[in-house]
Amino acid sequence: MIGQVTAVRAPEWEVASWFNSGPLTVHGLRGRVVVLEAFQMLCPGCYTHSLPQAVRLHDLFRGEPVSVIGLHSVFENHAAMTPKDLLPFLRRSRIDFPVAVDAHRWDGEIDSPVTFDRYRMMGTPTTILIDRTGTIRFHEFGRFDDSALTTRIRDLLAE
């Protein structure tokens, strides 16, 4: 069984830049199921599992009211994971769905990703499902079976 969160309104994303898309918002995607995949390009679990899974979900639900959104949310190794480095990574990984670069906040001691903090993520990869009304219905850190995640998305589409 994979985790679930119910009845929590999804906060808006604070994004420094977008790849593969113009700016998107949680509010602007209402009426669609949103798969938000938070990742770092140097995260082994992201590169080997969650991003390929997001690509498969994007392909599987193409033409349906499902939006797969990547969130490059860097909380370590900042110099090695800049937006300039992200573009070739996305091309090599064949990621053509929208990818947001999380905005950062400097509090004098810590450089912290804003959206990552708003969603109270524990690390990467983190998968979040947002229903058609803008409510978070699933929020988990780690790896998940494709079929379990696909079933959850189909359940949200059926609501």
Protein backbone atom coordinates (compact mmCIF):
# COMPACT_ATOMS: atom_id res chain seq x y z
CA MET A 1 0.00 0.00 0.00
CA ILE A 2 1.29 3.44 -0.80
CA GLY A 3 0.55 6.55 1.26
CA GLN A 4 -2.29 8.98 0.90
CA VAL A 5 -3.11 12.51 1.98
CA THR A 6 -6.65 13.81 1.70
CA ALA A 7 -8.36 17.21 1.83
CA VAL A 8 -5.21 19.33 1.67
CA ARG A 9 -5.28 22.14 -0.89
CA ALA A 10 -2.19 22.07 -3.13
CA PRO A 11 -0.06 25.18 -2.68
CA GLU A 12 0.96 27.12 -5.78
CA TRP A 13 4.41 26.42 -7.15
CA GLU A 14 7.10 29.09 -7.03
CA VAL A 15 9.18 28.52 -10.12
CA ALA A 16 12.39 30.17 -11.35
CA SER A 17 12.07 28.83 -14.91
CA TRP A 18 10.28 26.25 -17.06
CA PHE A 19 11.47 23.71 -19.61
CA ASN A 20 9.22 22.11 -22.27
CA SER A 21 6.39 24.51 -21.42
CA GLY A 22 5.38 28.02 -20.62
CA PRO A 23 4.44 28.84 -17.02
CA LEU A 24 1.84 26.56 -15.43
CA THR A 25 0.00 26.89 -12.13
CA VAL A 26 -1.91 24.56 -9.86
CA HIS A 27 -4.96 26.77 -10.31
CA GLY A 28 -4.58 26.78 -14.11
CA LEU A 29 -4.49 22.96 -14.16
CA ARG A 30 -7.78 22.52 -12.29
CA GLY A 31 -9.97 20.01 -14.07
CA ARG A 32 -6.93 17.79 -14.68
CA VAL A 33 -5.20 15.20 -12.51
CA VAL A 34 -1.65 16.41 -11.87
CA VAL A 35 1.29 14.10 -11.26
CA LEU A 36 4.01 16.24 -9.68
CA GLU A 37 7.37 14.46 -9.67
CA ALA A 38 10.00 16.23 -7.55
CA PHE A 39 13.54 15.24 -8.48
CA GLN A 40 17.18 16.20 -8.57
CA MET A 41 19.18 15.20 -11.60
CA LEU A 42 21.98 13.72 -9.44
CA CYS A 43 19.56 11.67 -7.34
CA PRO A 44 20.10 7.97 -8.22
CA GLY A 45 16.51 6.96 -7.39
CA CYS A 46 15.19 9.81 -9.52
CA TYR A 47 17.33 8.97 -12.52
CA THR A 48 16.82 5.21 -12.43
CA HIS A 49 13.21 4.95 -11.29
CA SER A 50 10.98 7.97 -10.74
CA LEU A 51 11.80 9.93 -13.90
CA PRO A 52 11.48 6.91 -16.22
CA GLN A 53 8.20 6.17 -14.42
CA ALA A 54 7.02 9.75 -15.00
CA VAL A 55 7.86 9.39 -18.72
CA ARG A 56 5.83 6.16 -18.85
CA LEU A 57 2.88 7.85 -17.08
CA HIS A 58 3.08 10.81 -19.45
CA ASP A 59 2.95 8.44 -22.43
CA LEU A 60 0.23 6.24 -20.93
CA PHE A 61 -2.13 9.12 -20.13
CA ARG A 62 -1.43 11.19 -23.25
CA GLY A 63 -4.74 12.54 -24.52
CA GLU A 64 -6.42 12.22 -21.12
CA PRO A 65 -6.89 15.03 -18.59
CA VAL A 66 -3.64 14.17 -16.80
CA SER A 67 -0.63 16.48 -16.58
CA VAL A 68 2.75 15.10 -15.58
CA ILE A 69 4.95 17.90 -14.22
CA GLY A 70 8.56 17.56 -13.16
CA LEU A 71 9.86 19.75 -10.33
CA HIS A 72 13.65 20.05 -10.27
CA SER A 73 14.04 20.89 -6.61
CA VAL A 74 17.69 21.18 -5.59
CA PHE A 75 18.51 21.14 -1.89
CA GLU A 76 22.14 19.96 -2.16
CA ASN A 77 25.03 20.14 -4.66
CA HIS A 78 23.69 23.42 -6.05
CA ALA A 79 26.73 24.14 -8.26
CA ALA A 80 26.39 20.78 -10.06
CA MET A 81 22.65 21.02 -10.75
CA THR A 82 22.02 24.41 -12.34
CA PRO A 83 19.25 25.10 -14.86
CA LYS A 84 21.98 25.30 -17.53
CA ASP A 85 22.93 21.69 -16.70
CA LEU A 86 19.31 20.58 -16.57
CA LEU A 87 18.48 21.08 -20.26
CA PRO A 88 20.97 18.47 -21.61
CA PHE A 89 19.89 16.11 -18.80
CA LEU A 90 16.24 16.41 -19.88
CA ARG A 91 17.17 15.78 -23.51
CA ARG A 92 19.30 12.73 -22.66
CA SER A 93 16.51 11.38 -20.44
CA ARG A 94 13.89 11.99 -23.17
CA ILE A 95 11.76 14.06 -20.83
CA ASP A 96 9.36 16.14 -22.89
CA PHE A 97 6.72 16.91 -20.27
CA PRO A 98 6.84 20.29 -18.47
CA VAL A 99 9.63 20.68 -15.92
CA ALA A 100 9.73 23.51 -13.39
CA VAL A 101 12.90 24.68 -11.69
CA ASP A 102 11.99 25.31 -8.07
CA ALA A 103 12.68 28.86 -6.87
CA HIS A 104 15.11 29.27 -3.98
CA ARG A 105 15.06 31.29 -0.80
CA TRP A 106 18.21 32.25 1.09
CA ASP A 107 17.62 32.80 4.80
CA GLY A 108 21.19 33.82 5.58
CA GLU A 109 22.29 30.27 6.37
CA ILE A 110 20.39 27.85 4.15
CA ASP A 111 19.55 27.93 0.44
CA SER A 112 16.15 26.30 0.42
CA PRO A 113 13.81 25.32 -2.47
CA VAL A 114 10.50 27.14 -1.98
CA THR A 115 7.98 24.70 -3.51
CA PHE A 116 9.78 21.75 -1.92
CA ASP A 117 9.30 23.44 1.46
CA ARG A 118 5.67 24.45 0.79
CA TYR A 119 4.82 20.81 0.09
CA ARG A 120 6.82 19.64 3.12
CA MET A 121 8.81 17.17 1.07
CA MET A 122 11.37 14.96 2.81
CA GLY A 123 13.64 14.39 -0.18
CA THR A 124 13.71 13.23 -3.76
CA PRO A 125 12.11 11.49 -5.45
CA THR A 126 8.73 12.61 -4.17
CA THR A 127 5.51 11.88 -6.06
CA ILE A 128 2.40 13.99 -5.49
CA LEU A 129 -1.01 13.46 -7.06
CA ILE A 130 -3.34 16.46 -7.20
CA ASP A 131 -6.98 15.82 -8.07
CA ARG A 132 -9.12 17.84 -10.47
CA THR A 133 -10.17 20.25 -7.71
CA GLY A 134 -6.60 21.12 -6.68
CA THR A 135 -6.50 18.86 -3.63
CA ILE A 136 -3.46 16.73 -2.79
CA ARG A 137 -4.57 13.11 -2.73
CA PHE A 138 -1.21 11.37 -2.59
CA HIS A 139 2.16 12.58 -1.30
CA GLU A 140 5.01 10.14 -0.81
CA PHE A 141 8.79 10.03 -0.81
CA GLY A 142 10.46 7.06 -2.54
CA ARG A 143 9.70 4.45 -5.17
CA PHE A 144 6.33 3.03 -6.17
CA ASP A 145 5.12 0.29 -8.43
CA ASP A 146 3.82 1.54 -11.78
CA SER A 147 0.55 -0.36 -11.48
CA ALA A 148 -0.24 1.03 -8.02
CA LEU A 149 0.37 4.60 -9.17
CA THR A 150 -1.55 4.06 -12.42
CA THR A 151 -4.51 2.70 -10.43
CA ARG A 152 -4.52 5.80 -8.20
CA ILE A 153 -4.47 8.09 -11.22
CA ARG A 154 -7.32 6.15 -12.87
CA ASP A 155 -9.32 6.35 -9.62
CA LEU A 156 -8.87 10.14 -9.58
CA LEU A 157 -9.94 10.36 -13.22
CA ALA A 158 -13.10 8.38 -12.42
CA GLU A 159 -14.17 10.76 -9.63
